[in-house]
């Protein structure tokens, strides 16, 4: 199970590198600095995905979770969102792994 989390984190970080390369190509060709926002990248890959996710979160989970929190994430550069998500998954995996090892030995 922990291999799946590490693999997911590495994949997200690899996608961040690909997005960074695409952003650098865009910056060099256009001459102005602009990074693709996470919401725009999400829309380009799956146009109905943002609306479906928004409806699900607002109706079944908690409406304020979408508007201030996740809406803010969609307005951030996709490089940062992907890299921080991937690194966060890997770091949390190692933290929980060490905690699990401590609990199995009986020392807290």
C-alpha atoms as a PDB file:
ATOM      1  CA  UNK A   1       0.000   0.000   0.000  1.00  0.00           C
ATOM      2  CA  UNK A   2       2.774   2.404   0.827  1.00  0.00           C
ATOM      3  CA  UNK A   3       4.341   1.766  -2.589  1.00  0.00           C
ATOM      4  CA  UNK A   4       1.113   2.984  -4.206  1.00  0.00           C
ATOM      5  CA  UNK A   5       1.291   6.268  -2.266  1.00  0.00           C
ATOM      6  CA  UNK A   6       4.946   6.812  -3.111  1.00  0.00           C
ATOM      7  CA  UNK A   7       4.273   6.007  -6.763  1.00  0.00           C
ATOM      8  CA  UNK A   8       1.323   8.451  -6.831  1.00  0.00           C
ATOM      9  CA  UNK A   9       3.459  11.192  -5.314  1.00  0.00           C
ATOM     10  CA  UNK A  10       6.251  10.607  -7.809  1.00  0.00           C
ATOM     11  CA  UNK A  11       3.775  10.645 -10.706  1.00  0.00           C
ATOM     12  CA  UNK A  12       2.321  13.964  -9.516  1.00  0.00           C
ATOM     13  CA  UNK A  13       5.803  15.451  -9.196  1.00  0.00           C
ATOM     14  CA  UNK A  14       6.683  14.168 -12.672  1.00  0.00           C
ATOM     15  CA  UNK A  15       3.520  15.786 -14.058  1.00  0.00           C
ATOM     16  CA  UNK A  16       4.583  19.019 -12.354  1.00  0.00           C
ATOM     17  CA  UNK A  17       7.908  18.849 -14.207  1.00  0.00           C
ATOM     18  CA  UNK A  18       6.126  18.294 -17.518  1.00  0.00           C
ATOM     19  CA  UNK A  19       3.820  21.242 -16.814  1.00  0.00           C
ATOM     20  CA  UNK A  20       6.822  23.366 -15.894  1.00  0.00           C
ATOM     21  CA  UNK A  21       8.475  22.496 -19.224  1.00  0.00           C
ATOM     22  CA  UNK A  22       5.288  23.443 -21.086  1.00  0.00           C
ATOM     23  CA  UNK A  23       5.074  26.707 -19.161  1.00  0.00           C
ATOM     24  CA  UNK A  24       8.717  27.539 -19.936  1.00  0.00           C
ATOM     25  CA  UNK A  25       8.099  26.854 -23.636  1.00  0.00           C
ATOM     26  CA  UNK A  26       5.086  29.174 -23.515  1.00  0.00           C
ATOM     27  CA  UNK A  27       7.080  31.865 -21.695  1.00  0.00           C
ATOM     28  CA  UNK A  28       9.932  31.691 -24.207  1.00  0.00           C
ATOM     29  CA  UNK A  29       7.649  31.747 -27.238  1.00  0.00           C
ATOM     30  CA  UNK A  30       5.342  34.520 -26.034  1.00  0.00           C
ATOM     31  CA  UNK A  31       7.880  36.638 -24.200  1.00  0.00           C
ATOM     32  CA  UNK A  32       5.686  37.138 -21.139  1.00  0.00           C
ATOM     33  CA  UNK A  33       5.637  35.243 -17.886  1.00  0.00           C
ATOM     34  CA  UNK A  34       2.411  33.326 -17.359  1.00  0.00           C
ATOM     35  CA  UNK A  35       1.803  29.961 -15.796  1.00  0.00           C
ATOM     36  CA  UNK A  36      -1.179  27.773 -16.592  1.00  0.00           C
ATOM     37  CA  UNK A  37      -3.644  27.734 -13.742  1.00  0.00           C
ATOM     38  CA  UNK A  38      -4.681  24.412 -12.247  1.00  0.00           C
ATOM     39  CA  UNK A  39      -8.345  25.007 -13.068  1.00  0.00           C
ATOM     40  CA  UNK A  40      -7.525  25.698 -16.703  1.00  0.00           C
ATOM     41  CA  UNK A  41      -5.372  22.578 -16.983  1.00  0.00           C
ATOM     42  CA  UNK A  42      -8.145  20.549 -15.365  1.00  0.00           C
ATOM     43  CA  UNK A  43     -10.703  22.008 -17.792  1.00  0.00           C
ATOM     44  CA  UNK A  44      -8.454  21.249 -20.774  1.00  0.00           C
ATOM     45  CA  UNK A  45      -8.195  17.588 -19.745  1.00  0.00           C
ATOM     46  CA  UNK A  46     -11.785  17.018 -18.599  1.00  0.00           C
ATOM     47  CA  UNK A  47     -14.193  19.912 -19.338  1.00  0.00           C
ATOM     48  CA  UNK A  48     -17.126  18.610 -17.295  1.00  0.00           C
ATOM     49  CA  UNK A  49     -14.929  17.605 -14.353  1.00  0.00           C
ATOM     50  CA  UNK A  50     -14.810  20.932 -12.535  1.00  0.00           C
ATOM     51  CA  UNK A  51     -18.573  21.451 -12.665  1.00  0.00           C
ATOM     52  CA  UNK A  52     -19.282  17.861 -11.542  1.00  0.00           C
ATOM     53  CA  UNK A  53     -16.767  18.112  -8.704  1.00  0.00           C
ATOM     54  CA  UNK A  54     -18.198  21.454  -7.609  1.00  0.00           C
ATOM     55  CA  UNK A  55     -21.757  20.102  -7.604  1.00  0.00           C
ATOM     56  CA  UNK A  56     -20.739  16.986  -5.670  1.00  0.00           C
ATOM     57  CA  UNK A  57     -18.822  18.926  -3.016  1.00  0.00           C
ATOM     58  CA  UNK A  58     -21.472  21.616  -2.567  1.00  0.00           C
ATOM     59  CA  UNK A  59     -24.410  19.210  -2.386  1.00  0.00           C
ATOM     60  CA  UNK A  60     -23.016  16.153  -0.618  1.00  0.00           C
ATOM     61  CA  UNK A  61     -20.049  17.325   1.436  1.00  0.00           C
ATOM     62  CA  UNK A  62     -19.845  20.939   2.563  1.00  0.00           C
ATOM     63  CA  UNK A  63     -20.488  24.027   0.414  1.00  0.00           C
ATOM     64  CA  UNK A  64     -17.785  26.251   1.986  1.00  0.00           C
ATOM     65  CA  UNK A  65     -15.227  23.585   1.158  1.00  0.00           C
ATOM     66  CA  UNK A  66     -15.569  24.456  -2.523  1.00  0.00           C
ATOM     67  CA  UNK A  67     -15.885  28.229  -2.549  1.00  0.00           C
ATOM     68  CA  UNK A  68     -13.071  29.493  -0.374  1.00  0.00           C
ATOM     69  CA  UNK A  69     -10.789  26.458  -0.329  1.00  0.00           C
ATOM     70  CA  UNK A  70     -10.855  24.451  -3.546  1.00  0.00           C
ATOM     71  CA  UNK A  71     -11.749  27.396  -5.750  1.00  0.00           C
ATOM     72  CA  UNK A  72      -8.567  29.052  -4.481  1.00  0.00           C
ATOM     73  CA  UNK A  73      -6.587  25.930  -5.426  1.00  0.00           C
ATOM     74  CA  UNK A  74      -7.943  26.003  -8.986  1.00  0.00           C
ATOM     75  CA  UNK A  75      -6.636  29.571  -9.364  1.00  0.00           C
ATOM     76  CA  UNK A  76      -3.058  28.605  -8.466  1.00  0.00           C
ATOM     77  CA  UNK A  77      -0.370  27.599 -10.996  1.00  0.00           C
ATOM     78  CA  UNK A  78      -0.707  23.921 -11.823  1.00  0.00           C
ATOM     79  CA  UNK A  79       3.035  23.404 -11.330  1.00  0.00           C
ATOM     80  CA  UNK A  80       2.730  24.336  -7.665  1.00  0.00           C
ATOM     81  CA  UNK A  81      -0.466  22.382  -7.067  1.00  0.00           C
ATOM     82  CA  UNK A  82       0.926  19.194  -8.616  1.00  0.00           C
ATOM     83  CA  UNK A  83       4.340  19.463  -6.971  1.00  0.00           C
ATOM     84  CA  UNK A  84       3.026  20.277  -3.492  1.00  0.00           C
ATOM     85  CA  UNK A  85       0.410  17.508  -3.745  1.00  0.00           C
ATOM     86  CA  UNK A  86       3.000  14.938  -4.803  1.00  0.00           C
ATOM     87  CA  UNK A  87       5.537  15.976  -2.181  1.00  0.00           C
ATOM     88  CA  UNK A  88       2.809  16.070   0.473  1.00  0.00           C
ATOM     89  CA  UNK A  89       1.689  12.528  -0.321  1.00  0.00           C
ATOM     90  CA  UNK A  90       5.256  11.232  -0.079  1.00  0.00           C
ATOM     91  CA  UNK A  91       6.004  13.079   3.172  1.00  0.00           C
ATOM     92  CA  UNK A  92       2.742  11.983   4.806  1.00  0.00           C
ATOM     93  CA  UNK A  93       3.441   8.416   3.740  1.00  0.00           C
ATOM     94  CA  UNK A  94       6.803   8.420   5.512  1.00  0.00           C
ATOM     95  CA  UNK A  95       5.349  10.089   8.620  1.00  0.00           C
ATOM     96  CA  UNK A  96       2.578   7.499   8.924  1.00  0.00           C
ATOM     97  CA  UNK A  97       5.031   4.683   8.200  1.00  0.00           C
ATOM     98  CA  UNK A  98       7.293   5.765  11.079  1.00  0.00           C
ATOM     99  CA  UNK A  99       4.277   6.185  13.357  1.00  0.00           C
ATOM    100  CA  UNK A 100       3.068   2.698  12.453  1.00  0.00           C
ATOM    101  CA  UNK A 101       6.515   1.240  13.191  1.00  0.00           C
ATOM    102  CA  UNK A 102       6.578   2.958  16.613  1.00  0.00           C
ATOM    103  CA  UNK A 103       3.113   1.669  17.451  1.00  0.00           C
ATOM    104  CA  UNK A 104       3.998  -1.890  16.448  1.00  0.00           C
ATOM    105  CA  UNK A 105       7.026  -1.929  18.770  1.00  0.00           C
ATOM    106  CA  UNK A 106       5.013  -0.599  21.692  1.00  0.00           C
ATOM    107  CA  UNK A 107       6.916   2.680  22.046  1.00  0.00           C
ATOM    108  CA  UNK A 108       5.053   5.912  21.518  1.00  0.00           C
END
